[in-house]
Amino acid sequence: MPILKLTHKVQKSGLTVKIASAVLDDLKRYSEYTNAGTNEIVQQALAYVFEKDGQFHKWKEQQVSVAPPAKAKPSGMPIDKPGVVPTSKPHPGSGIAS
């Protein structure tokens, strides 16, 4: 009987990861064993680890008052990183801000 509960359906977002070949082989075998997709197995395995890790829960509770991490653009730069913003409007016809 599988240790993971593989019946819960949730809205999903994408993530690409690289894992050791041996772990990937076992993931594929576990998929065959449970008759579940690899995405669902990874989802449930991570949820299981997060649920069981008491130190993570303590750390996570301390992070509630901290702003969530900035989302990254594909280039790796944070989305909320300020860009160059003119401090005044350009003069008509000059193309230069004063």
PDB file of N, CA and C in Angstrom:
ATOM      1  N   MET A   1       0.848  -1.187   0.000  1.00  0.00           N
ATOM      2  CA  MET A   1       0.000   0.000   0.000  1.00  0.00           C
ATOM      3  C   MET A   1       0.887   1.241   0.000  1.00  0.00           C
ATOM      4  N   PRO A   2       0.660   2.195  -0.887  1.00  0.00           N
ATOM      5  CA  PRO A   2       1.491   3.395  -0.954  1.00  0.00           C
ATOM      6  C   PRO A   2       1.374   4.239   0.322  1.00  0.00           C
ATOM      7  N   ILE A   3       2.475   4.874   0.720  1.00  0.00           N
ATOM      8  CA  ILE A   3       2.482   5.723   1.907  1.00  0.00           C
ATOM      9  C   ILE A   3       1.841   7.089   1.624  1.00  0.00           C
ATOM     10  N   LEU A   4       1.834   7.525   0.356  1.00  0.00           N
ATOM     11  CA  LEU A   4       1.268   8.820  -0.014  1.00  0.00           C
ATOM     12  C   LEU A   4      -0.200   8.686  -0.388  1.00  0.00           C
ATOM     13  N   LYS A   5      -0.984   9.706  -0.036  1.00  0.00           N
ATOM     14  CA  LYS A   5      -2.389   9.763  -0.450  1.00  0.00           C
ATOM     15  C   LYS A   5      -2.425  10.451  -1.806  1.00  0.00           C
ATOM     16  N   LEU A   6      -2.756   9.731  -2.838  1.00  0.00           N
ATOM     17  CA  LEU A   6      -2.619  10.240  -4.192  1.00  0.00           C
ATOM     18  C   LEU A   6      -3.966  10.482  -4.873  1.00  0.00           C
ATOM     19  N   THR A   7      -4.919  11.007  -4.141  1.00  0.00           N
ATOM     20  CA  THR A   7      -6.235  11.225  -4.726  1.00  0.00           C
ATOM     21  C   THR A   7      -6.666  12.683  -4.701  1.00  0.00           C
ATOM     22  N   HIS A   8      -5.924  13.548  -4.065  1.00  0.00           N
ATOM     23  CA  HIS A   8      -6.326  14.938  -3.890  1.00  0.00           C
ATOM     24  C   HIS A   8      -5.977  15.777  -5.136  1.00  0.00           C
ATOM     25  N   LYS A   9      -6.976  16.383  -5.741  1.00  0.00           N
ATOM     26  CA  LYS A   9      -6.751  17.223  -6.926  1.00  0.00           C
ATOM     27  C   LYS A   9      -6.765  18.683  -6.511  1.00  0.00           C
ATOM     28  N   VAL A  10      -5.782  19.463  -6.960  1.00  0.00           N
ATOM     29  CA  VAL A  10      -5.687  20.889  -6.654  1.00  0.00           C
ATOM     30  C   VAL A  10      -5.259  21.647  -7.899  1.00  0.00           C
ATOM     31  N   GLN A  11      -5.481  22.965  -7.891  1.00  0.00           N
ATOM     32  CA  GLN A  11      -4.998  23.798  -8.990  1.00  0.00           C
ATOM     33  C   GLN A  11      -3.474  23.781  -8.965  1.00  0.00           C
ATOM     34  N   LYS A  12      -2.861  23.702 -10.124  1.00  0.00           N
ATOM     35  CA  LYS A  12      -1.418  23.529 -10.187  1.00  0.00           C
ATOM     36  C   LYS A  12      -0.732  24.668 -10.922  1.00  0.00           C
ATOM     37  N   SER A  13       0.516  24.901 -10.552  1.00  0.00           N
ATOM     38  CA  SER A  13       1.403  25.838 -11.223  1.00  0.00           C
ATOM     39  C   SER A  13       2.616  25.048 -11.691  1.00  0.00           C
ATOM     40  N   GLY A  14       3.348  25.593 -12.647  1.00  0.00           N
ATOM     41  CA  GLY A  14       4.486  24.882 -13.204  1.00  0.00           C
ATOM     42  C   GLY A  14       5.775  25.108 -12.448  1.00  0.00           C
ATOM     43  N   LEU A  15       6.648  24.122 -12.519  1.00  0.00           N
ATOM     44  CA  LEU A  15       7.973  24.183 -11.920  1.00  0.00           C
ATOM     45  C   LEU A  15       8.845  23.184 -12.655  1.00  0.00           C
ATOM     46  N   THR A  16      10.052  23.583 -12.992  1.00  0.00           N
ATOM     47  CA  THR A  16      10.995  22.670 -13.623  1.00  0.00           C
ATOM     48  C   THR A  16      12.144  22.461 -12.653  1.00  0.00           C
ATOM     49  N   VAL A  17      12.465  21.207 -12.386  1.00  0.00           N
ATOM     50  CA  VAL A  17      13.569  20.881 -11.478  1.00  0.00           C
ATOM     51  C   VAL A  17      14.450  19.820 -12.108  1.00  0.00           C
ATOM     52  N   LYS A  18      15.683  19.749 -11.642  1.00  0.00           N
ATOM     53  CA  LYS A  18      16.597  18.690 -12.060  1.00  0.00           C
ATOM     54  C   LYS A  18      16.896  17.864 -10.819  1.00  0.00           C
ATOM     55  N   ILE A  19      16.733  16.549 -10.946  1.00  0.00           N
ATOM     56  CA  ILE A  19      16.981  15.652  -9.827  1.00  0.00           C
ATOM     57  C   ILE A  19      17.935  14.549 -10.273  1.00  0.00           C
ATOM     58  N   ALA A  20      18.505  13.871  -9.305  1.00  0.00           N
ATOM     59  CA  ALA A  20      19.438  12.776  -9.604  1.00  0.00           C
ATOM     60  C   ALA A  20      18.729  11.704 -10.429  1.00  0.00           C
ATOM     61  N   SER A  21      19.456  11.119 -11.339  1.00  0.00           N
ATOM     62  CA  SER A  21      18.891  10.090 -12.222  1.00  0.00           C
ATOM     63  C   SER A  21      18.284   8.941 -11.437  1.00  0.00           C
ATOM     64  N   ALA A  22      18.935   8.530 -10.355  1.00  0.00           N
ATOM     65  CA  ALA A  22      18.423   7.422  -9.548  1.00  0.00           C
ATOM     66  C   ALA A  22      17.081   7.791  -8.906  1.00  0.00           C
ATOM     67  N   VAL A  23      16.940   9.048  -8.478  1.00  0.00           N
ATOM     68  CA  VAL A  23      15.681   9.506  -7.885  1.00  0.00           C
ATOM     69  C   VAL A  23      14.594   9.538  -8.951  1.00  0.00           C
ATOM     70  N   LEU A  24      14.933   9.995 -10.143  1.00  0.00           N
ATOM     71  CA  LEU A  24      13.968  10.015 -11.239  1.00  0.00           C
ATOM     72  C   LEU A  24      13.520   8.598 -11.594  1.00  0.00           C
ATOM     73  N   ASP A  25      14.455   7.670 -11.617  1.00  0.00           N
ATOM     74  CA  ASP A  25      14.095   6.270 -11.894  1.00  0.00           C
ATOM     75  C   ASP A  25      13.104   5.756 -10.851  1.00  0.00           C
ATOM     76  N   ASP A  26      13.384   6.041  -9.575  1.00  0.00           N
ATOM     77  CA  ASP A  26      12.472   5.603  -8.515  1.00  0.00           C
ATOM     78  C   ASP A  26      11.126   6.308  -8.610  1.00  0.00           C
ATOM     79  N   LEU A  27      11.128   7.572  -9.008  1.00  0.00           N
ATOM     80  CA  LEU A  27       9.870   8.315  -9.181  1.00  0.00           C
ATOM     81  C   LEU A  27       9.017   7.642 -10.253  1.00  0.00           C
ATOM     82  N   LYS A  28       9.633   7.284 -11.351  1.00  0.00           N
ATOM     83  CA  LYS A  28       8.905   6.603 -12.430  1.00  0.00           C
ATOM     84  C   LYS A  28       8.377   5.247 -11.965  1.00  0.00           C
ATOM     85  N   ARG A  29       9.206   4.513 -11.221  1.00  0.00           N
ATOM     86  CA  ARG A  29       8.761   3.213 -10.701  1.00  0.00           C
ATOM     87  C   ARG A  29       7.617   3.383  -9.694  1.00  0.00           C
ATOM     88  N   TYR A  30       7.730   4.405  -8.856  1.00  0.00           N
ATOM     89  CA  TYR A  30       6.667   4.666  -7.875  1.00  0.00           C
ATOM     90  C   TYR A  30       5.378   5.033  -8.596  1.00  0.00           C
ATOM     91  N   SER A  31       5.507   5.744  -9.708  1.00  0.00           N
ATOM     92  CA  SER A  31       4.347   6.090 -10.525  1.00  0.00           C
ATOM     93  C   SER A  31       3.662   4.830 -11.042  1.00  0.00           C
ATOM     94  N   GLU A  32       4.453   3.882 -11.507  1.00  0.00           N
ATOM     95  CA  GLU A  32       3.893   2.602 -11.961  1.00  0.00           C
ATOM     96  C   GLU A  32       3.244   1.855 -10.799  1.00  0.00           C
ATOM     97  N   TYR A  33       3.940   1.827  -9.663  1.00  0.00           N
ATOM     98  CA  TYR A  33       3.467   1.114  -8.472  1.00  0.00           C
ATOM     99  C   TYR A  33       2.135   1.667  -7.966  1.00  0.00           C
ATOM    100  N   THR A  34       1.992   3.005  -7.961  1.00  0.00           N
ATOM    101  CA  THR A  34       0.789   3.637  -7.418  1.00  0.00           C
ATOM    102  C   THR A  34      -0.273   3.890  -8.478  1.00  0.00           C
ATOM    103  N   ASN A  35       0.108   3.746  -9.743  1.00  0.00           N
ATOM    104  CA  ASN A  35      -0.789   4.074 -10.847  1.00  0.00           C
ATOM    105  C   ASN A  35      -1.206   5.554 -10.781  1.00  0.00           C
ATOM    106  N   ALA A  36      -0.261   6.405 -10.396  1.00  0.00           N
ATOM    107  CA  ALA A  36      -0.481   7.853 -10.297  1.00  0.00           C
ATOM    108  C   ALA A  36       0.590   8.558 -11.124  1.00  0.00           C
ATOM    109  N   GLY A  37       0.309   9.786 -11.516  1.00  0.00           N
ATOM    110  CA  GLY A  37       1.276  10.562 -12.292  1.00  0.00           C
ATOM    111  C   GLY A  37       2.418  11.074 -11.433  1.00  0.00           C
ATOM    112  N   THR A  38       3.552  11.311 -12.070  1.00  0.00           N
ATOM    113  CA  THR A  38       4.722  11.793 -11.345  1.00  0.00           C
ATOM    114  C   THR A  38       4.475  13.159 -10.715  1.00  0.00           C
ATOM    115  N   ASN A  39       3.713  14.027 -11.386  1.00  0.00           N
ATOM    116  CA  ASN A  39       3.417  15.347 -10.808  1.00  0.00           C
ATOM    117  C   ASN A  39       2.673  15.203  -9.490  1.00  0.00           C
ATOM    118  N   GLU A  40       1.692  14.325  -9.458  1.00  0.00           N
ATOM    119  CA  GLU A  40       0.907  14.130  -8.244  1.00  0.00           C
ATOM    120  C   GLU A  40       1.765  13.537  -7.127  1.00  0.00           C
ATOM    121  N   ILE A  41       2.649  12.632  -7.471  1.00  0.00           N
ATOM    122  CA  ILE A  41       3.531  12.028  -6.468  1.00  0.00           C
ATOM    123  C   ILE A  41       4.440  13.081  -5.855  1.00  0.00           C
ATOM    124  N   VAL A  42       5.067  13.903  -6.687  1.00  0.00           N
ATOM    125  CA  VAL A  42       5.959  14.954  -6.180  1.00  0.00           C
ATOM    126  C   VAL A  42       5.173  15.923  -5.303  1.00  0.00           C
ATOM    127  N   GLN A  43       3.981  16.321  -5.753  1.00  0.00           N
ATOM    128  CA  GLN A  43       3.114  17.221  -4.979  1.00  0.00           C
ATOM    129  C   GLN A  43       2.848  16.654  -3.585  1.00  0.00           C
ATOM    130  N   GLN A  44       2.422  15.398  -3.535  1.00  0.00           N
ATOM    131  CA  GLN A  44       2.067  14.785  -2.257  1.00  0.00           C
ATOM    132  C   GLN A  44       3.297  14.529  -1.391  1.00  0.00           C
ATOM    133  N   ALA A  45       4.412  14.160  -2.005  1.00  0.00           N
ATOM    134  CA  ALA A  45       5.639  13.919  -1.240  1.00  0.00           C
ATOM    135  C   ALA A  45       6.111  15.209  -0.572  1.00  0.00           C
ATOM    136  N   LEU A  46       6.083  16.317  -1.309  1.00  0.00           N
ATOM    137  CA  LEU A  46       6.487  17.593  -0.726  1.00  0.00           C
ATOM    138  C   LEU A  46       5.518  18.031   0.366  1.00  0.00           C
ATOM    139  N   ALA A  47       4.228  17.877   0.131  1.00  0.00           N
ATOM    140  CA  ALA A  47       3.234  18.234   1.146  1.00  0.00           C
ATOM    141  C   ALA A  47       3.462  17.409   2.415  1.00  0.00           C
ATOM    142  N   TYR A  48       3.791  16.135   2.265  1.00  0.00           N
ATOM    143  CA  TYR A  48       4.059  15.250   3.393  1.00  0.00           C
ATOM    144  C   TYR A  48       5.268  15.744   4.192  1.00  0.00           C
ATOM    145  N   VAL A  49       6.346  16.074   3.500  1.00  0.00           N
ATOM    146  CA  VAL A  49       7.555  16.567   4.163  1.00  0.00           C
ATOM    147  C   VAL A  49       7.260  17.872   4.902  1.00  0.00           C
ATOM    148  N   PHE A  50       6.569  18.799   4.235  1.00  0.00           N
ATOM    149  CA  PHE A  50       6.257  20.085   4.857  1.00  0.00           C
ATOM    150  C   PHE A  50       5.397  19.898   6.106  1.00  0.00           C
ATOM    151  N   GLU A  51       4.454  18.961   6.046  1.00  0.00           N
ATOM    152  CA  GLU A  51       3.555  18.700   7.182  1.00  0.00           C
ATOM    153  C   GLU A  51       4.317  18.112   8.370  1.00  0.00           C
ATOM    154  N   LYS A  52       5.264  17.243   8.107  1.00  0.00           N
ATOM    155  CA  LYS A  52       5.961  16.517   9.172  1.00  0.00           C
ATOM    156  C   LYS A  52       7.144  17.276   9.775  1.00  0.00           C
ATOM    157  N   ASP A  53       7.635  18.317   9.120  1.00  0.00           N
ATOM    158  CA  ASP A  53       8.833  19.027   9.579  1.00  0.00           C
ATOM    159  C   ASP A  53       8.460  20.116  10.585  1.00  0.00           C
ATOM    160  N   GLY A  54       8.588  19.801  11.877  1.00  0.00           N
ATOM    161  CA  GLY A  54       8.239  20.752  12.936  1.00  0.00           C
ATOM    162  C   GLY A  54       9.075  22.018  12.910  1.00  0.00           C
ATOM    163  N   GLN A  55      10.360  21.893  12.620  1.00  0.00           N
ATOM    164  CA  GLN A  55      11.221  23.072  12.562  1.00  0.00           C
ATOM    165  C   GLN A  55      10.795  24.005  11.421  1.00  0.00           C
ATOM    166  N   PHE A  56      10.356  23.428  10.310  1.00  0.00           N
ATOM    167  CA  PHE A  56       9.862  24.239   9.198  1.00  0.00           C
ATOM    168  C   PHE A  56       8.619  25.013   9.632  1.00  0.00           C
ATOM    169  N   HIS A  57       7.717  24.347  10.379  1.00  0.00           N
ATOM    170  CA  HIS A  57       6.507  25.032  10.854  1.00  0.00           C
ATOM    171  C   HIS A  57       6.860  26.217  11.739  1.00  0.00           C
ATOM    172  N   LYS A  58       7.816  26.031  12.656  1.00  0.00           N
ATOM    173  CA  LYS A  58       8.243  27.128  13.538  1.00  0.00           C
ATOM    174  C   LYS A  58       8.835  28.264  12.712  1.00  0.00           C
ATOM    175  N   TRP A  59       9.692  27.931  11.775  1.00  0.00           N
ATOM    176  CA  TRP A  59      10.313  28.954  10.927  1.00  0.00           C
ATOM    177  C   TRP A  59       9.254  29.687  10.110  1.00  0.00           C
ATOM    178  N   LYS A  60       8.326  28.925   9.546  1.00  0.00           N
ATOM    179  CA  LYS A  60       7.281  29.504   8.707  1.00  0.00           C
ATOM    180  C   LYS A  60       6.410  30.477   9.504  1.00  0.00           C
ATOM    181  N   GLU A  61       6.083  30.149  10.748  1.00  0.00           N
ATOM    182  CA  GLU A  61       5.291  31.038  11.597  1.00  0.00           C
ATOM    183  C   GLU A  61       6.019  32.348  11.851  1.00  0.00           C
ATOM    184  N   GLN A  62       7.330  32.297  11.979  1.00  0.00           N
ATOM    185  CA  GLN A  62       8.125  33.511  12.182  1.00  0.00           C
ATOM    186  C   GLN A  62       8.164  34.368  10.927  1.00  0.00           C
ATOM    187  N   GLN A  63       7.948  33.765   9.773  1.00  0.00           N
ATOM    188  CA  GLN A  63       8.021  34.482   8.500  1.00  0.00           C
ATOM    189  C   GLN A  63       6.729  35.188   8.130  1.00  0.00           C
ATOM    190  N   VAL A  64       5.659  34.987   8.891  1.00  0.00           N
ATOM    191  CA  VAL A  64       4.361  35.560   8.556  1.00  0.00           C
ATOM    192  C   VAL A  64       4.441  37.075   8.430  1.00  0.00           C
ATOM    193  N   SER A  65       5.214  37.709   9.301  1.00  0.00           N
ATOM    194  CA  SER A  65       5.295  39.171   9.260  1.00  0.00           C
ATOM    195  C   SER A  65       6.249  39.676   8.188  1.00  0.00           C
ATOM    196  N   VAL A  66       7.030  38.794   7.596  1.00  0.00           N
ATOM    197  CA  VAL A  66       7.979  39.164   6.549  1.00  0.00           C
ATOM    198  C   VAL A  66       7.261  39.124   5.207  1.00  0.00           C
ATOM    199  N   ALA A  67       7.565  40.086   4.336  1.00  0.00           N
ATOM    200  CA  ALA A  67       6.953  40.123   3.005  1.00  0.00           C
ATOM    201  C   ALA A  67       7.331  38.867   2.230  1.00  0.00           C
ATOM    202  N   PRO A  68       6.422  38.369   1.385  1.00  0.00           N
ATOM    203  CA  PRO A  68       6.749  37.194   0.572  1.00  0.00           C
ATOM    204  C   PRO A  68       7.890  37.502  -0.380  1.00  0.00           C
ATOM    205  N   PRO A  69       8.658  36.486  -0.777  1.00  0.00           N
ATOM    206  CA  PRO A  69       9.781  36.720  -1.693  1.00  0.00           C
ATOM    207  C   PRO A  69       9.293  37.259  -3.034  1.00  0.00           C
ATOM    208  N   ALA A  70      10.131  38.101  -3.642  1.00  0.00           N
ATOM    209  CA  ALA A  70       9.791  38.681  -4.941  1.00  0.00           C
ATOM    210  C   ALA A  70       9.762  37.591  -5.994  1.00  0.00           C
ATOM    211  N   LYS A  71       8.801  37.679  -6.905  1.00  0.00           N
ATOM    212  CA  LYS A  71       8.746  36.746  -8.019  1.00  0.00           C
ATOM    213  C   LYS A  71       9.836  37.127  -9.002  1.00  0.00           C
ATOM    214  N   ALA A  72      10.435  36.144  -9.618  1.00  0.00           N
ATOM    215  CA  ALA A  72      11.527  36.418 -10.545  1.00  0.00           C
ATOM    216  C   ALA A  72      11.033  36.354 -11.981  1.00  0.00           C
ATOM    217  N   LYS A  73      11.604  37.214 -12.813  1.00  0.00           N
ATOM    218  CA  LYS A  73      11.383  37.152 -14.248  1.00  0.00           C
ATOM    219  C   LYS A  73      12.239  36.012 -14.779  1.00  0.00           C
ATOM    220  N   PRO A  74      11.988  35.549 -15.999  1.00  0.00           N
ATOM    221  CA  PRO A  74      12.834  34.494 -16.560  1.00  0.00           C
ATOM    222  C   PRO A  74      14.316  34.845 -16.530  1.00  0.00           C
ATOM    223  N   SER A  75      14.664  36.140 -16.572  1.00  0.00           N
ATOM    224  CA  SER A  75      16.062  36.538 -16.554  1.00  0.00           C
ATOM    225  C   SER A  75      16.667  36.413 -15.167  1.00  0.00           C
ATOM    226  N   GLY A  76      15.820  36.169 -14.150  1.00  0.00           N
ATOM    227  CA  GLY A  76      16.310  36.060 -12.791  1.00  0.00           C
ATOM    228  C   GLY A  76      16.198  37.350 -12.011  1.00  0.00           C
ATOM    229  N   MET A  77      15.833  38.445 -12.664  1.00  0.00           N
ATOM    230  CA  MET A  77      15.682  39.716 -11.963  1.00  0.00           C
ATOM    231  C   MET A  77      14.315  39.764 -11.305  1.00  0.00           C
ATOM    232  N   PRO A  78      14.235  40.260 -10.062  1.00  0.00           N
ATOM    233  CA  PRO A  78      12.930  40.369  -9.407  1.00  0.00           C
ATOM    234  C   PRO A  78      12.004  41.280 -10.187  1.00  0.00           C
ATOM    235  N   ILE A  79      10.721  40.935 -10.235  1.00  0.00           N
ATOM    236  CA  ILE A  79       9.731  41.724 -10.940  1.00  0.00           C
ATOM    237  C   ILE A  79       9.545  43.087 -10.289  1.00  0.00           C
ATOM    238  N   ASP A  80       9.608  43.101  -8.935  1.00  0.00           N
ATOM    239  CA  ASP A  80       9.319  44.346  -8.251  1.00  0.00           C
ATOM    240  C   ASP A  80      10.549  45.243  -8.094  1.00  0.00           C
ATOM    241  N   LYS A  81      11.652  44.928  -8.761  1.00  0.00           N
ATOM    242  CA  LYS A  81      12.836  45.766  -8.696  1.00  0.00           C
ATOM    243  C   LYS A  81      12.556  47.053  -9.449  1.00  0.00           C
ATOM    244  N   PRO A  82      12.752  48.207  -8.793  1.00  0.00           N
ATOM    245  CA  PRO A  82      12.417  49.461  -9.469  1.00  0.00           C
ATOM    246  C   PRO A  82      13.319  49.721 -10.670  1.00  0.00           C
ATOM    247  N   GLY A  83      12.724  50.285 -11.686  1.00  0.00           N
ATOM    248  CA  GLY A  83      13.472  50.664 -12.870  1.00  0.00           C
ATOM    249  C   GLY A  83      13.789  52.149 -12.826  1.00  0.00           C
ATOM    250  N   VAL A  84      14.326  52.691 -13.899  1.00  0.00           N
ATOM    251  CA  VAL A  84      14.612  54.114 -13.973  1.00  0.00           C
ATOM    252  C   VAL A  84      13.306  54.831 -14.268  1.00  0.00           C
ATOM    253  N   VAL A  85      12.944  55.746 -13.397  1.00  0.00           N
ATOM    254  CA  VAL A  85      11.706  56.492 -13.548  1.00  0.00           C
ATOM    255  C   VAL A  85      12.053  57.975 -13.617  1.00  0.00           C
ATOM    256  N   PRO A  86      11.627  58.691 -14.675  1.00  0.00           N
ATOM    257  CA  PRO A  86      11.918  60.120 -14.758  1.00  0.00           C
ATOM    258  C   PRO A  86      11.268  60.863 -13.597  1.00  0.00           C
ATOM    259  N   THR A  87      11.974  61.871 -13.077  1.00  0.00           N
ATOM    260  CA  THR A  87      11.444  62.640 -11.953  1.00  0.00           C
ATOM    261  C   THR A  87      10.586  63.804 -12.410  1.00  0.00           C
ATOM    262  N   SER A  88      10.671  64.175 -13.667  1.00  0.00           N
ATOM    263  CA  SER A  88       9.801  65.242 -14.192  1.00  0.00           C
ATOM    264  C   SER A  88       9.473  64.934 -15.632  1.00  0.00           C
ATOM    265  N   LYS A  89       8.474  65.641 -16.132  1.00  0.00           N
ATOM    266  CA  LYS A  89       8.052  65.425 -17.516  1.00  0.00           C
ATOM    267  C   LYS A  89       9.039  66.108 -18.461  1.00  0.00           C
ATOM    268  N   PRO A  90       9.278  65.533 -19.641  1.00  0.00           N
ATOM    269  CA  PRO A  90      10.165  66.188 -20.611  1.00  0.00           C
ATOM    270  C   PRO A  90       9.516  67.439 -21.168  1.00  0.00           C
ATOM    271  N   HIS A  91      10.359  68.389 -21.528  1.00  0.00           N
ATOM    272  CA  HIS A  91       9.861  69.582 -22.180  1.00  0.00           C
ATOM    273  C   HIS A  91       9.456  69.244 -23.585  1.00  0.00           C
ATOM    274  N   PRO A  92       8.341  69.793 -24.069  1.00  0.00           N
ATOM    275  CA  PRO A  92       7.881  69.479 -25.424  1.00  0.00           C
ATOM    276  C   PRO A  92       8.977  69.733 -26.452  1.00  0.00           C
ATOM    277  N   GLY A  93       9.237  68.758 -27.291  1.00  0.00           N
ATOM    278  CA  GLY A  93      10.178  68.912 -28.393  1.00  0.00           C
ATOM    279  C   GLY A  93      11.634  68.663 -27.998  1.00  0.00           C
ATOM    280  N   SER A  94      11.956  68.642 -26.703  1.00  0.00           N
ATOM    281  CA  SER A  94      13.361  68.496 -26.335  1.00  0.00           C
ATOM    282  C   SER A  94      13.757  67.034 -26.175  1.00  0.00           C
ATOM    283  N   GLY A  95      12.803  66.195 -25.753  1.00  0.00           N
ATOM    284  CA  GLY A  95      13.122  64.782 -25.519  1.00  0.00           C
ATOM    285  C   GLY A  95      13.973  64.577 -24.293  1.00  0.00           C
ATOM    286  N   ILE A  96      14.206  65.606 -23.489  1.00  0.00           N
ATOM    287  CA  ILE A  96      15.047  65.502 -22.293  1.00  0.00           C
ATOM    288  C   ILE A  96      14.257  65.978 -21.094  1.00  0.00           C
ATOM    289  N   ALA A  97      14.323  65.222 -20.007  1.00  0.00           N
ATOM    290  CA  ALA A  97      13.644  65.618 -18.771  1.00  0.00           C
ATOM    291  C   ALA A  97      14.498  66.640 -18.041  1.00  0.00           C
ATOM    292  N   SER A  98      13.849  67.559 -17.357  1.00  0.00           N
ATOM    293  CA  SER A  98      14.642  68.554 -16.607  1.00  0.00           C
ATOM    294  C   SER A  98      14.702  68.193 -15.150  1.00  0.00           C
TER     295      SER A  98
END
